[in-house]
C-alpha cells in the first residue's frame, strides 16, 4: 500500500520568522526534521538516512518474499486440505 505525502522546504532568517513557521507547521500537523548547517554534519545525516532506507528496503523485501513463499505453499496444499 502506498501512502501519498507532500514535502515542503522552508528557508528563513531570524527567530521571529522561525516561531511563525513552527506555528504554521503545527497547525497543519507537519513533521519537522532538523537539518544541520555544516556540510560535514549534512553528509553524516545523509549517510545515516541512506543506511536506514537500505535496512527498511531489506526488511520489506524479506517480508514480500516470505509472503510469496507462504502463498505458494498454501496454493500447492489447498486441494489436499479441502479433501480432509
N, C-alpha and C. Protein backbone atom coordinates (compact mmCIF):
# COMPACT_ATOMS: atom_id res chain seq x y z
N UNK A 1 0.84 -1.16 0.00
CA UNK A 1 0.00 0.00 0.00
C UNK A 1 0.89 1.24 0.00
N UNK A 2 0.62 2.14 -0.88
CA UNK A 2 1.41 3.36 -0.97
C UNK A 2 0.71 4.48 -0.21
N UNK A 3 1.50 5.31 0.43
CA UNK A 3 0.98 6.46 1.14
C UNK A 3 1.48 7.71 0.44
N UNK A 4 0.57 8.55 0.06
CA UNK A 4 0.95 9.78 -0.62
C UNK A 4 1.32 10.83 0.42
N UNK A 5 2.43 11.50 0.21
CA UNK A 5 2.89 12.53 1.14
C UNK A 5 3.31 13.77 0.38
N UNK A 6 3.17 14.89 1.02
CA UNK A 6 3.64 16.15 0.48
C UNK A 6 4.85 16.61 1.28
N UNK A 7 5.80 17.19 0.59
CA UNK A 7 7.03 17.67 1.23
C UNK A 7 7.21 19.14 0.86
N UNK A 8 7.60 19.92 1.84
CA UNK A 8 7.95 21.30 1.55
C UNK A 8 9.17 21.68 2.37
N UNK A 9 9.94 22.60 1.83
CA UNK A 9 11.16 23.07 2.48
C UNK A 9 11.01 24.57 2.68
N UNK A 10 11.34 25.02 3.88
CA UNK A 10 11.23 26.44 4.19
C UNK A 10 12.60 26.97 4.59
N UNK A 11 13.03 28.02 3.93
CA UNK A 11 14.26 28.72 4.30
C UNK A 11 13.84 30.03 4.96
N UNK A 12 14.47 30.37 6.06
CA UNK A 12 14.10 31.58 6.77
C UNK A 12 15.32 32.18 7.45
N UNK A 13 15.16 33.43 7.86
CA UNK A 13 16.22 34.10 8.62
C UNK A 13 15.56 34.77 9.82
N UNK A 14 16.05 34.48 11.00
CA UNK A 14 15.56 35.14 12.20
C UNK A 14 14.65 34.27 13.04
N UNK A 15 14.73 34.49 14.34
CA UNK A 15 13.96 33.69 15.30
C UNK A 15 12.47 34.01 15.26
N UNK A 16 12.12 35.27 14.98
CA UNK A 16 10.71 35.66 14.93
C UNK A 16 10.00 34.91 13.80
N UNK A 17 10.63 34.88 12.65
CA UNK A 17 10.06 34.16 11.50
C UNK A 17 10.01 32.66 11.80
N UNK A 18 11.04 32.15 12.45
CA UNK A 18 11.07 30.73 12.82
C UNK A 18 9.86 30.38 13.68
N UNK A 19 9.54 31.22 14.65
CA UNK A 19 8.39 30.98 15.51
C UNK A 19 7.09 30.90 14.71
N UNK A 20 6.92 31.80 13.76
CA UNK A 20 5.71 31.79 12.92
C UNK A 20 5.64 30.53 12.07
N UNK A 21 6.77 30.16 11.51
CA UNK A 21 6.82 28.95 10.67
C UNK A 21 6.48 27.72 11.50
N UNK A 22 7.01 27.64 12.71
CA UNK A 22 6.72 26.49 13.58
C UNK A 22 5.24 26.42 13.91
N UNK A 23 4.60 27.57 14.16
CA UNK A 23 3.16 27.59 14.45
C UNK A 23 2.35 27.09 13.25
N UNK A 24 2.75 27.52 12.06
CA UNK A 24 2.05 27.08 10.85
C UNK A 24 2.22 25.57 10.66
N UNK A 25 3.43 25.08 10.85
CA UNK A 25 3.68 23.64 10.73
C UNK A 25 2.83 22.86 11.73
N UNK A 26 2.77 23.34 12.96
CA UNK A 26 1.96 22.68 13.99
C UNK A 26 0.48 22.69 13.61
N UNK A 27 0.00 23.81 13.06
CA UNK A 27 -1.40 23.91 12.67
C UNK A 27 -1.76 22.89 11.60
N UNK A 28 -0.83 22.58 10.71
CA UNK A 28 -1.08 21.61 9.65
C UNK A 28 -0.66 20.20 10.03
N UNK A 29 -0.12 20.02 11.24
CA UNK A 29 0.33 18.69 11.67
C UNK A 29 1.54 18.21 10.89
N UNK A 30 2.36 19.13 10.44
CA UNK A 30 3.53 18.76 9.63
C UNK A 30 4.66 18.26 10.52
N UNK A 31 5.35 17.25 10.04
CA UNK A 31 6.55 16.78 10.73
C UNK A 31 7.70 17.70 10.35
N UNK A 32 8.52 18.00 11.34
CA UNK A 32 9.70 18.84 11.10
C UNK A 32 10.94 18.01 11.38
N UNK A 33 11.93 18.19 10.53
CA UNK A 33 13.18 17.46 10.68
C UNK A 33 14.33 18.46 10.69
N UNK A 34 15.23 18.33 11.65
CA UNK A 34 16.36 19.27 11.71
C UNK A 34 17.33 19.03 10.55
N UNK A 35 17.97 20.09 10.15
CA UNK A 35 18.97 19.97 9.10
C UNK A 35 20.15 20.85 9.47
N UNK A 36 21.29 20.24 9.64
CA UNK A 36 22.49 20.95 10.09
C UNK A 36 23.00 21.91 9.01
N UNK A 37 23.63 22.97 9.47
CA UNK A 37 24.20 23.94 8.53
C UNK A 37 25.58 23.53 8.05
N UNK A 38 26.33 22.78 8.87
CA UNK A 38 27.68 22.37 8.48
C UNK A 38 27.63 21.22 7.48
N UNK A 39 28.47 21.30 6.46
CA UNK A 39 28.49 20.27 5.42
C UNK A 39 28.84 18.89 5.96
N UNK A 40 29.76 18.82 6.91
CA UNK A 40 30.14 17.53 7.48
C UNK A 40 28.97 16.85 8.17
N UNK A 41 28.20 17.63 8.92
CA UNK A 41 27.03 17.07 9.61
C UNK A 41 25.94 16.69 8.60
N UNK A 42 25.82 17.48 7.53
CA UNK A 42 24.85 17.14 6.48
C UNK A 42 25.20 15.80 5.85
N UNK A 43 26.48 15.60 5.55
CA UNK A 43 26.92 14.34 4.93
C UNK A 43 26.67 13.18 5.87
N UNK A 44 26.92 13.37 7.17
CA UNK A 44 26.67 12.32 8.15
C UNK A 44 25.19 11.99 8.22
N UNK A 45 24.34 13.02 8.21
CA UNK A 45 22.89 12.81 8.27
C UNK A 45 22.41 12.06 7.02
N UNK A 46 22.92 12.44 5.87
CA UNK A 46 22.55 11.76 4.62
C UNK A 46 22.97 10.30 4.66
N UNK A 47 24.15 10.04 5.17
CA UNK A 47 24.64 8.67 5.29
C UNK A 47 23.76 7.85 6.22
N UNK A 48 23.37 8.43 7.36
CA UNK A 48 22.51 7.72 8.31
C UNK A 48 21.14 7.42 7.71
N UNK A 49 20.56 8.40 7.04
CA UNK A 49 19.24 8.21 6.43
C UNK A 49 19.32 7.16 5.33
N UNK A 50 20.38 7.19 4.53
CA UNK A 50 20.55 6.20 3.47
C UNK A 50 20.67 4.80 4.05
N UNK A 51 21.39 4.67 5.16
CA UNK A 51 21.51 3.37 5.83
C UNK A 51 20.18 2.86 6.33
N UNK A 52 19.39 3.75 6.93
CA UNK A 52 18.06 3.34 7.43
C UNK A 52 17.16 2.93 6.27
N UNK A 53 17.23 3.67 5.17
CA UNK A 53 16.42 3.31 3.99
C UNK A 53 16.81 1.93 3.46
N UNK A 54 18.10 1.64 3.42
CA UNK A 54 18.56 0.33 2.95
C UNK A 54 18.06 -0.77 3.87
N UNK A 55 18.10 -0.54 5.19
CA UNK A 55 17.60 -1.54 6.14
C UNK A 55 16.10 -1.77 5.96
N UNK A 56 15.35 -0.69 5.78
CA UNK A 56 13.90 -0.83 5.58
C UNK A 56 13.59 -1.57 4.29
N UNK A 57 14.34 -1.28 3.23
CA UNK A 57 14.12 -1.98 1.96
C UNK A 57 14.40 -3.47 2.12
N UNK A 58 15.47 -3.82 2.83
CA UNK A 58 15.79 -5.23 3.08
C UNK A 58 14.67 -5.90 3.85
N UNK A 59 14.14 -5.23 4.87
CA UNK A 59 13.05 -5.78 5.67
C UNK A 59 11.80 -5.98 4.82
N UNK A 60 11.45 -5.00 4.01
CA UNK A 60 10.27 -5.10 3.16
C UNK A 60 10.44 -6.22 2.14
N UNK A 61 11.61 -6.31 1.52
CA UNK A 61 11.87 -7.36 0.54
C UNK A 61 11.77 -8.75 1.17
N UNK A 62 12.28 -8.90 2.40
CA UNK A 62 12.20 -10.19 3.09
C UNK A 62 10.75 -10.53 3.39
N UNK A 63 9.96 -9.54 3.79
CA UNK A 63 8.54 -9.76 4.06
C UNK A 63 7.78 -10.17 2.81
N UNK A 64 8.08 -9.52 1.70
CA UNK A 64 7.42 -9.86 0.43
C UNK A 64 7.78 -11.28 -0.01
N UNK A 65 9.05 -11.64 0.12
CA UNK A 65 9.49 -12.99 -0.24
C UNK A 65 8.81 -14.03 0.63
N UNK A 66 8.70 -13.75 1.92
CA UNK A 66 8.02 -14.68 2.83
C UNK A 66 6.56 -14.85 2.44
N UNK A 67 5.91 -13.74 2.09
CA UNK A 67 4.50 -13.80 1.69
C UNK A 67 4.33 -14.64 0.43
N UNK A 68 5.20 -14.43 -0.56
CA UNK A 68 5.12 -15.20 -1.81
C UNK A 68 5.31 -16.68 -1.53
N UNK A 69 6.32 -17.02 -0.72
CA UNK A 69 6.57 -18.43 -0.39
C UNK A 69 5.39 -19.04 0.35
N UNK A 70 4.82 -18.30 1.28
CA UNK A 70 3.68 -18.80 2.05
C UNK A 70 2.48 -19.03 1.14
N UNK A 71 2.20 -18.09 0.26
CA UNK A 71 1.06 -18.24 -0.65
C UNK A 71 1.27 -19.39 -1.64
N UNK A 72 2.50 -19.57 -2.10
CA UNK A 72 2.78 -20.71 -2.99
C UNK A 72 2.57 -22.02 -2.24
N UNK A 73 2.99 -22.09 -1.01
CA UNK A 73 2.81 -23.29 -0.20
C UNK A 73 1.32 -23.56 0.03
N UNK A 74 0.57 -22.53 0.32
CA UNK A 74 -0.87 -22.69 0.50
C UNK A 74 -1.51 -23.15 -0.80
N UNK A 75 -1.07 -22.57 -1.92
CA UNK A 75 -1.63 -22.94 -3.22
C UNK A 75 -1.40 -24.40 -3.56
N UNK A 76 -0.23 -24.92 -3.23
CA UNK A 76 0.04 -26.32 -3.56
C UNK A 76 -0.70 -27.28 -2.64
N UNK A 77 -1.05 -26.85 -1.44
CA UNK A 77 -1.71 -27.74 -0.49
C UNK A 77 -3.21 -27.51 -0.38
N UNK A 78 -3.74 -26.52 -1.07
CA UNK A 78 -5.14 -26.14 -0.95
C UNK A 78 -6.09 -27.29 -1.27
N UNK A 79 -5.87 -27.95 -2.40
CA UNK A 79 -6.76 -29.05 -2.78
C UNK A 79 -6.70 -30.18 -1.76
N UNK A 80 -5.52 -30.47 -1.28
CA UNK A 80 -5.37 -31.54 -0.29
C UNK A 80 -6.12 -31.19 1.00
N UNK A 81 -6.09 -29.94 1.40
CA UNK A 81 -6.79 -29.52 2.61
C UNK A 81 -8.30 -29.66 2.44
N UNK A 82 -8.81 -29.40 1.24
CA UNK A 82 -10.25 -29.49 1.01
C UNK A 82 -10.74 -30.93 1.02
N UNK A 83 -9.85 -31.89 0.79
CA UNK A 83 -10.26 -33.30 0.81
C UNK A 83 -10.41 -33.82 2.23
N UNK A 84 -9.83 -33.14 3.20
CA UNK A 84 -9.89 -33.61 4.59
C UNK A 84 -11.22 -33.43 5.21
